[in-house]
């Protein structure tokens, strides 16, 4: 058997001493030996790696190093800006300082001030506004408007934010509730609110005025535009108001004055004698209409006002050229043929014998006579612009004995 020789403790001790002595003696001469600090760093790194934290420690260290560089850059920029400001300040001081050879006598003299300059040490500063603020305070006074070419009652009302009937009710003296009386150059009263305009007369009572316009007395006397002094007004039934004074009636309404032809029967055509010399006398019986209607001209569109009870216009203004023909829309008898004194000019009215009546106004030439029987399509004359008219057209109305004035659009094809 072979026996192995194991080193005894003395040999191990001698070997260790020799190894240690060799290391110590060559420590200073060996370039590969590490410093104690580096050994500790490597030992720490090996321990972290042993526990699997090496990669995390490296990431954290990288982040901390980045933050340090950022803080260093911020500090450097701050120092640079502060230094630049100190240099600029010193240069401004040098420029602002007077020259060595300057004296107070060489200072520039300011021109004399014509008005003393007012300075405020304390108070609220007034800021400059880039836009103009328009007062929103409502108007309470009546103003005047001159009618322009192309104006209509509807257009004027819209311009001032009013209802079209308010334009008529505020100007009965010039328009007489007839929108066709509107003419270029007219001066119209424009009320501040929707309502009516009343001229006070001697002997009138405020209660009666208020009742006529469907308002209360308080509505009239409390409206600021009327400038009524309550202490001196006195009795409402005999108010202390000067005759001829105009009163704004806010919210007031009234019936329109009728300036159109009444319902003219072939049995009594003389009921129209008050509207002009075109009225007829006794008429014999004639054709009866079918109750269906055709357009009275070749054009089937408007040139003027539409059917509008709000403006007392119970008709449509059909377009046409001067001298073009017009014809009967249904069979019947002529009960009016001639001039109308209320702005219609030359006018023709047909009684159709079945409760219906049609009216044609502003004709240039009337081509039929009283009592003449006509049929659907029979010529009545030529289109014109007579009476109160702003241009050639046909003012066309339809009336029924039971329904009154109706909208022609509902019955024309």
Protein backbone atom coordinates (compact mmCIF):
# COMPACT_ATOMS: atom_id res chain seq x y z
CA UNK A 1 0.00 0.00 0.00
CA UNK A 2 1.06 3.39 -0.76
CA UNK A 3 0.88 5.91 1.94
CA UNK A 4 0.11 9.51 1.25
CA UNK A 5 2.11 12.15 2.91
CA UNK A 6 0.02 14.91 4.36
CA UNK A 7 1.63 18.13 5.42
CA UNK A 8 1.64 18.70 9.13
CA UNK A 9 0.62 21.90 10.78
CA UNK A 10 4.19 23.10 11.04
CA UNK A 11 4.69 22.75 7.29
CA UNK A 12 1.44 24.63 6.65
CA UNK A 13 2.49 27.38 8.99
CA UNK A 14 5.90 27.67 7.37
CA UNK A 15 4.33 27.70 3.92
CA UNK A 16 1.89 30.41 4.88
CA UNK A 17 4.66 32.47 6.39
CA UNK A 18 6.71 32.13 3.25
CA UNK A 19 3.79 33.10 1.08
CA UNK A 20 2.97 36.08 3.21
CA UNK A 21 6.60 37.10 3.33
CA UNK A 22 6.80 36.85 -0.45
CA UNK A 23 3.75 38.99 -0.94
CA UNK A 24 4.88 41.59 1.53
CA UNK A 25 8.37 41.77 0.08
CA UNK A 26 7.13 42.20 -3.51
CA UNK A 27 4.12 44.42 -2.77
CA UNK A 28 5.80 47.67 -3.62
CA UNK A 29 7.50 46.31 -6.76
CA UNK A 30 4.43 44.58 -8.30
CA UNK A 31 2.35 46.87 -10.55
CA UNK A 32 -0.73 44.57 -10.53
CA UNK A 33 -1.39 44.80 -6.82
CA UNK A 34 -4.56 46.78 -5.75
CA UNK A 35 -4.82 49.54 -3.17
CA UNK A 36 -6.86 48.84 -0.04
CA UNK A 37 -9.66 51.20 -1.21
CA UNK A 38 -9.89 49.47 -4.51
CA UNK A 39 -9.99 46.10 -2.73
CA UNK A 40 -12.91 47.26 -0.68
CA UNK A 41 -14.73 48.52 -3.80
CA UNK A 42 -14.12 45.21 -5.59
CA UNK A 43 -15.20 43.26 -2.54
CA UNK A 44 -18.39 45.35 -2.32
CA UNK A 45 -19.05 44.85 -6.01
CA UNK A 46 -18.49 41.07 -5.69
CA UNK A 47 -20.89 40.93 -2.75
CA UNK A 48 -23.53 42.88 -4.67
CA UNK A 49 -23.05 40.67 -7.70
CA UNK A 50 -23.28 37.61 -5.48
CA UNK A 51 -26.71 38.70 -4.30
CA UNK A 52 -27.84 39.73 -7.82
CA UNK A 53 -27.79 43.50 -7.11
CA UNK A 54 -24.94 44.48 -9.37
CA UNK A 55 -27.02 45.59 -12.30
CA UNK A 56 -29.41 47.58 -10.08
CA UNK A 57 -26.51 49.29 -8.31
CA UNK A 58 -25.01 50.24 -11.68
CA UNK A 59 -28.32 51.74 -12.87
CA UNK A 60 -28.75 53.77 -9.67
CA UNK A 61 -25.20 55.03 -9.90
CA UNK A 62 -25.70 56.11 -13.49
CA UNK A 63 -28.85 58.07 -12.57
CA UNK A 64 -27.12 59.79 -9.67
CA UNK A 65 -24.25 60.77 -11.90
CA UNK A 66 -26.64 62.23 -14.50
CA UNK A 67 -28.42 64.29 -11.85
CA UNK A 68 -25.12 65.60 -10.63
CA UNK A 69 -24.17 66.73 -14.14
CA UNK A 70 -27.54 68.50 -14.58
CA UNK A 71 -27.19 70.36 -11.30
CA UNK A 72 -23.71 71.37 -12.27
CA UNK A 73 -24.93 72.73 -15.62
CA UNK A 74 -27.75 74.72 -13.94
CA UNK A 75 -25.32 76.24 -11.48
CA UNK A 76 -22.93 77.21 -14.29
CA UNK A 77 -25.73 78.89 -16.32
CA UNK A 78 -26.97 80.78 -13.26
CA UNK A 79 -23.46 82.10 -12.55
CA UNK A 80 -23.10 83.11 -16.21
CA UNK A 81 -26.41 85.07 -16.21
CA UNK A 82 -25.60 86.85 -12.97
CA UNK A 83 -22.24 87.86 -14.33
CA UNK A 84 -23.82 89.16 -17.57
CA UNK A 85 -26.35 91.25 -15.61
CA UNK A 86 -23.57 92.79 -13.54
CA UNK A 87 -21.65 93.71 -16.70
CA UNK A 88 -24.79 95.27 -18.34
CA UNK A 89 -25.58 97.22 -15.18
CA UNK A 90 -22.08 98.61 -15.02
CA UNK A 91 -22.26 99.65 -18.71
CA UNK A 92 -25.62 101.43 -18.19
CA UNK A 93 -24.13 103.27 -15.26
CA UNK A 94 -21.22 104.42 -17.38
CA UNK A 95 -23.53 105.61 -20.21
CA UNK A 96 -25.91 107.39 -17.84
CA UNK A 97 -23.10 109.15 -16.01
CA UNK A 98 -22.43 112.70 -17.22
CA UNK A 99 -19.25 113.45 -19.04
CA UNK A 100 -16.47 114.94 -17.02
CA UNK A 101 -16.62 118.23 -18.85
CA UNK A 102 -20.43 118.58 -18.58
CA UNK A 103 -21.90 121.09 -16.19
CA UNK A 104 -25.51 121.76 -15.13
CA UNK A 105 -25.52 124.72 -17.52
CA UNK A 106 -25.11 122.39 -20.53
CA UNK A 107 -28.32 120.48 -19.79
CA UNK A 108 -31.04 120.69 -22.48
CA UNK A 109 -33.91 123.02 -21.74
CA UNK A 110 -37.47 121.61 -22.14
CA UNK A 111 -40.07 123.61 -24.09
CA UNK A 112 -42.60 125.47 -21.96
CA UNK A 113 -45.78 123.54 -21.09
CA UNK A 114 -48.97 125.35 -22.09
CA UNK A 115 -51.09 123.54 -19.51
CA UNK A 116 -50.04 122.22 -16.13
CA UNK A 117 -49.43 118.51 -16.03
CA UNK A 118 -51.69 116.80 -13.54
CA UNK A 119 -50.15 113.92 -11.70
CA UNK A 120 -51.86 111.53 -9.37
CA UNK A 121 -49.80 109.92 -6.67
CA UNK A 122 -52.50 107.67 -5.35
CA UNK A 123 -55.77 106.38 -6.77
CA UNK A 124 -57.17 103.87 -9.22
CA UNK A 125 -55.29 103.78 -12.54
CA UNK A 126 -57.37 104.20 -15.72
CA UNK A 127 -56.67 101.40 -18.17
CA UNK A 128 -56.70 101.99 -21.92
CA UNK A 129 -59.47 100.08 -23.69
CA UNK A 130 -59.01 98.99 -27.30
CA UNK A 131 -62.74 98.93 -28.05
CA UNK A 132 -65.62 101.37 -27.61
CA UNK A 133 -68.44 100.30 -25.32
CA UNK A 134 -71.84 101.29 -26.71
CA UNK A 135 -74.46 102.01 -24.09
CA UNK A 136 -77.14 99.36 -23.87
CA UNK A 137 -79.63 101.78 -22.33
CA UNK A 138 -82.94 101.45 -24.22
CA UNK A 139 -84.23 104.33 -26.29
CA UNK A 140 -87.36 106.01 -24.88
CA UNK A 141 -87.85 108.87 -27.35
CA UNK A 142 -89.47 108.93 -30.79
CA UNK A 143 -86.97 109.54 -33.57
CA UNK A 144 -87.41 110.50 -37.24
CA UNK A 145 -86.36 108.39 -40.22
CA UNK A 146 -86.23 109.48 -43.86
CA UNK A 147 -87.47 106.82 -46.27
CA UNK A 148 -84.81 105.67 -48.72
CA UNK A 149 -85.21 104.22 -52.20
CA UNK A 150 -86.12 100.55 -51.97
CA UNK A 151 -87.43 100.77 -48.39
CA UNK A 152 -90.46 98.75 -47.32
CA UNK A 153 -92.48 98.74 -44.13
CA UNK A 154 -90.96 95.34 -43.30
CA UNK A 155 -87.39 96.51 -43.92
CA UNK A 156 -87.77 99.67 -41.82
CA UNK A 157 -89.34 97.72 -38.97
CA UNK A 158 -86.52 95.18 -39.00
CA UNK A 159 -83.91 97.96 -39.04
CA UNK A 160 -85.23 99.34 -35.74
CA UNK A 161 -86.24 96.06 -34.11
CA UNK A 162 -89.98 96.73 -34.32
CA UNK A 163 -93.06 94.97 -35.65
CA UNK A 164 -94.19 96.23 -39.10
CA UNK A 165 -97.59 97.28 -37.77
CA UNK A 166 -95.86 99.64 -35.33
CA UNK A 167 -94.49 101.57 -38.34
CA UNK A 168 -98.04 101.99 -39.68
CA UNK A 169 -99.59 102.80 -36.28
CA UNK A 170 -96.95 105.44 -35.62
CA UNK A 171 -97.49 107.19 -38.96
CA UNK A 172 -101.18 107.20 -39.76
CA UNK A 173 -101.01 110.81 -40.96
CA UNK A 174 -98.61 109.91 -43.80
CA UNK A 175 -99.33 106.22 -44.46
CA UNK A 176 -103.04 105.93 -43.52
CA UNK A 177 -102.46 102.26 -42.65
CA UNK A 178 -101.53 101.61 -46.29
CA UNK A 179 -97.99 100.25 -46.91
CA UNK A 180 -98.28 101.35 -50.56
CA UNK A 181 -98.27 104.98 -49.39
CA UNK A 182 -94.60 104.62 -48.40
CA UNK A 183 -92.54 106.94 -50.61
CA UNK A 184 -88.90 107.98 -50.87
CA UNK A 185 -88.13 111.12 -48.88
CA UNK A 186 -90.97 110.68 -46.36
CA UNK A 187 -90.18 111.40 -42.73
CA UNK A 188 -91.49 108.65 -40.46
CA UNK A 189 -91.93 108.51 -36.71
CA UNK A 190 -89.99 105.56 -35.26
CA UNK A 191 -91.39 104.58 -31.87
CA UNK A 192 -88.94 103.28 -29.24
CA UNK A 193 -91.14 100.25 -28.51
CA UNK A 194 -93.87 98.28 -30.23
CA UNK A 195 -97.22 99.97 -29.78
CA UNK A 196 -99.22 102.91 -31.08
CA UNK A 197 -98.88 106.69 -31.20
CA UNK A 198 -101.80 108.87 -30.08
CA UNK A 199 -102.32 112.61 -30.36
CA UNK A 200 -104.16 113.85 -27.29
CA UNK A 201 -107.22 115.99 -27.93
CA UNK A 202 -109.12 118.31 -25.59
CA UNK A 203 -111.87 116.53 -23.69
CA UNK A 204 -110.31 113.08 -23.90
CA UNK A 205 -109.82 110.91 -20.84
CA UNK A 206 -106.87 108.62 -20.30
CA UNK A 207 -109.19 105.74 -19.47
CA UNK A 208 -110.84 105.98 -22.87
CA UNK A 209 -107.49 106.17 -24.67
CA UNK A 210 -106.18 103.14 -22.80
CA UNK A 211 -109.31 101.14 -23.56
CA UNK A 212 -109.15 102.03 -27.26
CA UNK A 213 -105.62 100.63 -27.49
CA UNK A 214 -106.15 97.63 -25.20
CA UNK A 215 -103.73 98.74 -22.45
CA UNK A 216 -104.03 100.12 -18.91
CA UNK A 217 -103.80 103.78 -17.95
CA UNK A 218 -100.66 103.00 -15.94
CA UNK A 219 -98.98 101.74 -19.12
CA UNK A 220 -99.32 105.22 -20.60
CA UNK A 221 -98.58 107.49 -17.64
CA UNK A 222 -95.67 105.37 -16.33
CA UNK A 223 -93.83 105.18 -19.64
CA UNK A 224 -90.75 107.45 -19.19
CA UNK A 225 -90.83 108.67 -22.80
CA UNK A 226 -94.18 110.39 -22.19
CA UNK A 227 -92.65 112.48 -19.36
CA UNK A 228 -95.92 112.74 -17.47
CA UNK A 229 -95.64 114.29 -14.00
CA UNK A 230 -97.95 112.39 -11.66
CA UNK A 231 -98.24 115.27 -9.18
CA UNK A 232 -99.63 117.65 -11.80
CA UNK A 233 -101.58 115.16 -13.95
CA UNK A 234 -104.84 115.55 -12.06
CA UNK A 235 -107.94 113.51 -12.80
CA UNK A 236 -107.45 110.70 -15.32
CA UNK A 237 -110.79 111.53 -16.94
CA UNK A 238 -109.79 115.17 -17.35
CA UNK A 239 -105.98 115.08 -17.30
CA UNK A 240 -103.84 118.17 -17.20
CA UNK A 241 -102.29 117.56 -20.64
CA UNK A 242 -102.00 120.11 -23.41
CA UNK A 243 -104.08 119.32 -26.55
CA UNK A 244 -102.01 118.13 -29.49
CA UNK A 245 -99.46 116.36 -27.32
CA UNK A 246 -98.33 112.99 -28.65
CA UNK A 247 -98.42 109.99 -26.33
CA UNK A 248 -96.53 106.73 -26.81
CA UNK A 249 -98.82 103.79 -26.00
CA UNK A 250 -96.43 100.87 -25.32
CA UNK A 251 -97.98 97.53 -26.26
CA UNK A 252 -101.02 99.30 -27.73
CA UNK A 253 -102.96 97.77 -30.64
CA UNK A 254 -105.84 98.88 -32.81
CA UNK A 255 -107.77 97.80 -35.89
CA UNK A 256 -106.44 98.99 -39.24
CA UNK A 257 -108.40 101.51 -41.22
CA UNK A 258 -109.87 99.78 -44.27
CA UNK A 259 -108.74 101.43 -47.49
CA UNK A 260 -109.52 98.45 -49.74
CA UNK A 261 -112.73 97.94 -51.69
CA UNK A 262 -115.62 96.46 -49.70
CA UNK A 263 -117.44 93.34 -50.82
CA UNK A 264 -119.31 94.65 -53.89
CA UNK A 265 -122.36 92.66 -54.90
CA UNK A 266 -123.70 92.74 -58.46
CA UNK A 267 -127.09 93.48 -56.86
CA UNK A 268 -125.75 96.59 -55.05
CA UNK A 269 -122.53 97.85 -56.69
CA UNK A 270 -123.19 101.41 -55.47
CA UNK A 271 -121.77 100.49 -52.01
CA UNK A 272 -118.40 101.36 -53.54
CA UNK A 273 -119.26 104.92 -54.51
CA UNK A 274 -117.18 106.34 -51.64
CA UNK A 275 -113.92 104.86 -52.94
CA UNK A 276 -113.88 106.56 -56.33
CA UNK A 277 -115.57 107.33 -59.64
CA UNK A 278 -115.11 103.76 -60.89
CA UNK A 279 -118.21 102.54 -59.01
CA UNK A 280 -121.06 101.09 -61.01
CA UNK A 281 -124.83 101.64 -61.05
CA UNK A 282 -127.54 99.06 -61.60
CA UNK A 283 -126.23 95.81 -63.05
CA UNK A 284 -128.13 93.02 -64.72
CA UNK A 285 -127.23 89.43 -63.88
CA UNK A 286 -124.31 87.74 -65.62
CA UNK A 287 -121.94 84.73 -65.65
CA UNK A 288 -121.27 82.71 -62.50
CA UNK A 289 -117.78 81.57 -61.65
CA UNK A 290 -116.61 77.98 -61.30
CA UNK A 291 -114.88 78.50 -57.94
CA UNK A 292 -111.48 77.58 -59.38
CA UNK A 293 -108.98 80.27 -60.32
CA UNK A 294 -106.08 80.87 -62.69
CA UNK A 295 -103.22 83.39 -62.42
CA UNK A 296 -104.21 86.84 -63.75
CA UNK A 297 -101.01 87.23 -65.80
CA UNK A 298 -98.21 85.25 -67.40
CA UNK A 299 -95.86 85.87 -64.46
CA UNK A 300 -96.41 83.86 -61.30
CA UNK A 301 -94.07 85.50 -58.81
CA UNK A 302 -94.09 88.62 -56.64
CA UNK A 303 -92.70 92.09 -57.19
CA UNK A 304 -93.52 93.92 -53.97
CA UNK A 305 -95.54 93.01 -50.90
CA UNK A 306 -96.80 89.57 -50.04
CA UNK A 307 -100.06 88.80 -48.27
CA UNK A 308 -99.58 90.28 -44.79
CA UNK A 309 -102.46 91.06 -42.41
CA UNK A 310 -99.85 92.44 -39.97
CA UNK A 311 -99.26 95.35 -42.36
CA UNK A 312 -102.86 95.64 -43.57
CA UNK A 313 -101.87 94.20 -46.95
CA UNK A 314 -104.49 91.59 -47.83
CA UNK A 315 -103.16 90.97 -51.32
CA UNK A 316 -100.17 89.80 -53.31
CA UNK A 317 -98.24 92.07 -55.69
CA UNK A 318 -97.74 90.03 -58.85
CA UNK A 319 -94.81 91.00 -61.06
CA UNK A 320 -95.42 92.42 -64.49
CA UNK A 321 -94.11 94.85 -67.09
CA UNK A 322 -95.78 98.09 -68.09
CA UNK A 323 -98.40 97.42 -70.75
CA UNK A 324 -98.50 93.64 -70.40
CA UNK A 325 -102.05 92.17 -70.44
CA UNK A 326 -103.93 90.81 -67.45
CA UNK A 327 -107.10 88.76 -67.41
CA UNK A 328 -109.96 87.50 -65.25
CA UNK A 329 -109.13 84.58 -62.99
CA UNK A 330 -112.73 83.25 -63.13
CA UNK A 331 -116.07 84.06 -64.72
CA UNK A 332 -118.26 86.84 -63.32
CA UNK A 333 -119.55 90.40 -63.71
CA UNK A 334 -117.60 93.68 -63.56
CA UNK A 335 -118.85 95.66 -60.52
CA UNK A 336 -116.09 98.34 -60.44
CA UNK A 337 -114.06 99.70 -63.34
CA UNK A 338 -112.08 102.92 -63.02
CA UNK A 339 -110.16 105.15 -60.63
CA UNK A 340 -109.77 104.42 -56.92
CA UNK A 341 -109.12 107.37 -54.56
CA UNK A 342 -107.28 105.35 -51.91
CA UNK A 343 -104.03 104.60 -53.70
CA UNK A 344 -105.11 101.75 -55.97
CA UNK A 345 -105.15 103.86 -59.13
CA UNK A 346 -107.12 102.24 -61.96
CA UNK A 347 -108.94 99.23 -60.52
CA UNK A 348 -111.24 96.44 -61.69
CA UNK A 349 -113.44 94.31 -59.38
CA UNK A 350 -115.28 91.15 -60.48
CA UNK A 351 -118.23 89.64 -58.63
CA UNK A 352 -118.14 85.92 -59.43
CA UNK A 353 -121.71 85.31 -58.23
CA UNK A 354 -120.81 82.44 -55.87
CA UNK A 355 -119.62 84.46 -52.87
CA UNK A 356 -116.21 85.21 -54.41
CA UNK A 357 -114.84 88.59 -55.50
CA UNK A 358 -111.46 89.36 -57.09
CA UNK A 359 -109.75 92.77 -57.33
CA UNK A 360 -107.02 94.00 -59.76
CA UNK A 361 -105.33 97.34 -59.07
CA UNK A 362 -102.70 99.78 -60.50
CA UNK A 363 -103.78 99.10 -64.09
CA UNK A 364 -102.39 101.34 -66.82
CA UNK A 365 -105.50 100.91 -68.99
CA UNK A 366 -108.92 99.59 -67.94
CA UNK A 367 -110.30 97.48 -70.78
CA UNK A 368 -113.75 96.56 -69.38
CA UNK A 369 -116.87 98.47 -68.31
CA UNK A 370 -119.43 98.20 -65.52
CA UNK A 371 -121.87 95.31 -65.85
CA UNK A 372 -119.81 93.49 -68.45
CA UNK A 373 -119.82 89.71 -68.20
CA UNK A 374 -116.39 88.08 -68.32
CA UNK A 375 -115.08 84.56 -68.38
CA UNK A 376 -111.93 82.91 -67.15
CA UNK A 377 -109.12 84.43 -69.20
CA UNK A 378 -111.05 87.47 -70.51
CA UNK A 379 -108.65 90.47 -70.88
CA UNK A 380 -109.26 93.21 -68.32
CA UNK A 381 -106.70 95.80 -69.49
CA UNK A 382 -102.95 96.29 -69.14
CA UNK A 383 -100.53 96.23 -66.22
CA UNK A 384 -99.47 99.63 -64.90
CA UNK A 385 -98.21 101.60 -61.92
CA UNK A 386 -101.04 104.05 -61.25
CA UNK A 387 -101.96 105.27 -57.78
CA UNK A 388 -99.58 104.63 -54.89
CA UNK A 389 -97.22 102.24 -56.61
CA UNK A 390 -93.45 101.85 -56.73
CA UNK A 391 -93.43 100.12 -60.11
CA UNK A 392 -95.55 98.09 -62.57
CA UNK A 393 -97.34 95.16 -60.94
CA UNK A 394 -100.79 93.75 -60.22
CA UNK A 395 -102.19 94.27 -56.73
CA UNK A 396 -104.41 91.16 -56.56
CA UNK A 397 -106.98 90.52 -53.82
CA UNK A 398 -109.47 87.73 -53.19
CA UNK A 399 -112.51 88.08 -50.90
CA UNK A 400 -115.31 85.72 -49.92
CA UNK A 401 -118.68 86.67 -48.44
CA UNK A 402 -118.20 84.17 -45.59
CA UNK A 403 -114.41 84.15 -45.02
CA UNK A 404 -113.51 87.76 -45.76
CA UNK A 405 -110.13 88.54 -47.39
CA UNK A 406 -108.11 85.38 -47.94
CA UNK A 407 -104.55 84.60 -48.97
CA UNK A 408 -104.49 84.20 -52.78
CA UNK A 409 -101.62 81.71 -52.49
CA UNK A 410 -104.14 79.25 -51.01
CA UNK A 411 -106.36 79.33 -54.13
CA UNK A 412 -104.13 79.98 -57.12
CA UNK A 413 -102.67 76.89 -58.83
